[in-house]
Amino acid sequence: MEFLLYPAAFNFPNILFIGLDVVFCAVLFSVKLTVLVSLANIAGIILTSMWIMHTIPSFKFKQIIYSLFAHIGLSILIVLVIFYLQE
C-alpha cells in the first residue's frame, strides 16, 4: 500500500493524473499556463516526496529524481506537441 504513495516515475496513477492535468491546461488555455502548471506539479512532487521521506523510512531519494525526470519529460513532450499542432 505504501507503494501507491510514492511519487515515482513508475507509479502509473501519479503520472497519469499529472499528464491529464497538463493536457487539460494545454488544450483549454495556453502554453505559458501549461509550463506554470508543470512547475507547480514539480513543486508538488518535491513537497510530497519530502513529507513521505519523513514518514516512511524506506523511501529512497532516487524516487524523487525519477519522478521529476518523468514529469519534466512528459511536460516537454506535451508542449512540443502543442507547438506542432498550432503551426
C-alpha atoms as a PDB file:
ATOM      1  CA  MET A   1       0.000   0.000   0.000  1.00  0.00           C
ATOM      2  CA  GLU A   2       2.889   2.352   0.688  1.00  0.00           C
ATOM      3  CA  PHE A   3       3.939   1.994  -2.952  1.00  0.00           C
ATOM      4  CA  LEU A   4       0.851   3.951  -4.049  1.00  0.00           C
ATOM      5  CA  LEU A   5       2.061   6.926  -2.026  1.00  0.00           C
ATOM      6  CA  TYR A   6       5.399   7.113  -3.792  1.00  0.00           C
ATOM      7  CA  PRO A   7       5.506   9.878  -6.416  1.00  0.00           C
ATOM      8  CA  ALA A   8       7.874   7.797  -8.512  1.00  0.00           C
ATOM      9  CA  ALA A   9       8.256   7.556 -12.265  1.00  0.00           C
ATOM     10  CA  PHE A  10       6.895   4.023 -12.289  1.00  0.00           C
ATOM     11  CA  ASN A  11       3.844   4.974 -10.247  1.00  0.00           C
ATOM     12  CA  PHE A  12       1.368   4.942 -13.133  1.00  0.00           C
ATOM     13  CA  PRO A  13      -1.597   6.648 -11.385  1.00  0.00           C
ATOM     14  CA  ASN A  14       0.577   9.618 -10.404  1.00  0.00           C
ATOM     15  CA  ILE A  15       1.975  10.109 -13.912  1.00  0.00           C
ATOM     16  CA  LEU A  16      -1.497   9.649 -15.425  1.00  0.00           C
ATOM     17  CA  PHE A  17      -3.050  12.366 -13.259  1.00  0.00           C
ATOM     18  CA  ILE A  18      -0.154  14.764 -13.825  1.00  0.00           C
ATOM     19  CA  GLY A  19      -0.380  14.133 -17.573  1.00  0.00           C
ATOM     20  CA  LEU A  20      -4.131  14.755 -17.609  1.00  0.00           C
ATOM     21  CA  ASP A  21      -3.609  17.958 -15.630  1.00  0.00           C
ATOM     22  CA  VAL A  22      -1.032  19.250 -18.091  1.00  0.00           C
ATOM     23  CA  VAL A  23      -3.074  18.196 -21.148  1.00  0.00           C
ATOM     24  CA  PHE A  24      -6.210  19.844 -19.716  1.00  0.00           C
ATOM     25  CA  CYS A  25      -4.399  23.167 -19.252  1.00  0.00           C
ATOM     26  CA  ALA A  26      -2.675  22.902 -22.626  1.00  0.00           C
ATOM     27  CA  VAL A  27      -5.893  22.276 -24.525  1.00  0.00           C
ATOM     28  CA  LEU A  28      -8.040  24.840 -22.740  1.00  0.00           C
ATOM     29  CA  PHE A  29      -5.508  27.568 -22.113  1.00  0.00           C
ATOM     30  CA  SER A  30      -2.026  28.433 -23.346  1.00  0.00           C
ATOM     31  CA  VAL A  31       1.453  27.005 -23.437  1.00  0.00           C
ATOM     32  CA  LYS A  32       2.602  29.518 -20.801  1.00  0.00           C
ATOM     33  CA  LEU A  33      -0.039  28.288 -18.383  1.00  0.00           C
ATOM     34  CA  THR A  34       0.912  24.701 -19.193  1.00  0.00           C
ATOM     35  CA  VAL A  35       4.523  25.441 -18.236  1.00  0.00           C
ATOM     36  CA  LEU A  36       3.343  27.073 -14.987  1.00  0.00           C
ATOM     37  CA  VAL A  37       1.175  24.050 -14.185  1.00  0.00           C
ATOM     38  CA  SER A  38       4.150  21.795 -14.899  1.00  0.00           C
ATOM     39  CA  LEU A  39       6.310  23.775 -12.475  1.00  0.00           C
ATOM     40  CA  ALA A  40       3.548  23.626  -9.869  1.00  0.00           C
ATOM     41  CA  ASN A  41       3.315  19.859 -10.310  1.00  0.00           C
ATOM     42  CA  ILE A  42       7.086  19.524  -9.919  1.00  0.00           C
ATOM     43  CA  ALA A  43       6.919  21.574  -6.719  1.00  0.00           C
ATOM     44  CA  GLY A  44       4.085  19.342  -5.537  1.00  0.00           C
ATOM     45  CA  ILE A  45       6.171  16.235  -6.240  1.00  0.00           C
ATOM     46  CA  ILE A  46       9.074  17.664  -4.230  1.00  0.00           C
ATOM     47  CA  LEU A  47       6.880  18.636  -1.260  1.00  0.00           C
ATOM     48  CA  THR A  48       5.056  15.295  -1.274  1.00  0.00           C
ATOM     49  CA  SER A  49       8.346  13.431  -1.519  1.00  0.00           C
ATOM     50  CA  MET A  50       9.844  15.352   1.384  1.00  0.00           C
ATOM     51  CA  TRP A  51       6.782  14.563   3.500  1.00  0.00           C
ATOM     52  CA  ILE A  52       6.938  10.870   2.560  1.00  0.00           C
ATOM     53  CA  MET A  53      10.676  10.751   3.324  1.00  0.00           C
ATOM     54  CA  HIS A  54       9.904  11.905   6.869  1.00  0.00           C
ATOM     55  CA  THR A  55       7.022   9.482   7.376  1.00  0.00           C
ATOM     56  CA  ILE A  56       8.228   6.355   5.543  1.00  0.00           C
ATOM     57  CA  PRO A  57      11.820   5.369   6.353  1.00  0.00           C
ATOM     58  CA  SER A  58      12.174   3.055   3.341  1.00  0.00           C
ATOM     59  CA  PHE A  59      11.558   5.886   0.861  1.00  0.00           C
ATOM     60  CA  LYS A  60      14.547   6.482  -1.410  1.00  0.00           C
ATOM     61  CA  PHE A  61      15.746   9.869  -2.633  1.00  0.00           C
ATOM     62  CA  LYS A  62      16.235   8.499  -6.159  1.00  0.00           C
ATOM     63  CA  GLN A  63      12.456   8.116  -6.463  1.00  0.00           C
ATOM     64  CA  ILE A  64      12.165  11.909  -6.331  1.00  0.00           C
ATOM     65  CA  ILE A  65      14.674  12.174  -9.186  1.00  0.00           C
ATOM     66  CA  TYR A  66      12.832   9.547 -11.259  1.00  0.00           C
ATOM     67  CA  SER A  67       9.563  11.337 -10.693  1.00  0.00           C
ATOM     68  CA  LEU A  68      10.974  14.732 -11.648  1.00  0.00           C
ATOM     69  CA  PHE A  69      12.571  13.419 -14.840  1.00  0.00           C
ATOM     70  CA  ALA A  70       9.377  11.605 -15.801  1.00  0.00           C
ATOM     71  CA  HIS A  71       7.249  14.686 -15.252  1.00  0.00           C
ATOM     72  CA  ILE A  72       9.636  17.090 -16.959  1.00  0.00           C
ATOM     73  CA  GLY A  73       9.862  14.751 -19.954  1.00  0.00           C
ATOM     74  CA  LEU A  74       6.097  14.390 -20.120  1.00  0.00           C
ATOM     75  CA  SER A  75       5.571  18.149 -19.883  1.00  0.00           C
ATOM     76  CA  ILE A  76       8.153  18.911 -22.584  1.00  0.00           C
ATOM     77  CA  LEU A  77       6.618  16.309 -24.874  1.00  0.00           C
ATOM     78  CA  ILE A  78       3.128  17.760 -24.434  1.00  0.00           C
ATOM     79  CA  VAL A  79       4.331  21.336 -25.004  1.00  0.00           C
ATOM     80  CA  LEU A  80       6.194  20.267 -28.172  1.00  0.00           C
ATOM     81  CA  VAL A  81       3.067  18.537 -29.482  1.00  0.00           C
ATOM     82  CA  ILE A  82       1.037  21.702 -28.819  1.00  0.00           C
ATOM     83  CA  PHE A  83       3.573  23.851 -30.692  1.00  0.00           C
ATOM     84  CA  TYR A  84       3.495  21.375 -33.584  1.00  0.00           C
ATOM     85  CA  LEU A  85      -0.314  21.388 -33.741  1.00  0.00           C
ATOM     86  CA  GLN A  86      -0.515  25.195 -33.621  1.00  0.00           C
ATOM     87  CA  GLU A  87       1.666  25.566 -36.727  1.00  0.00           C
END
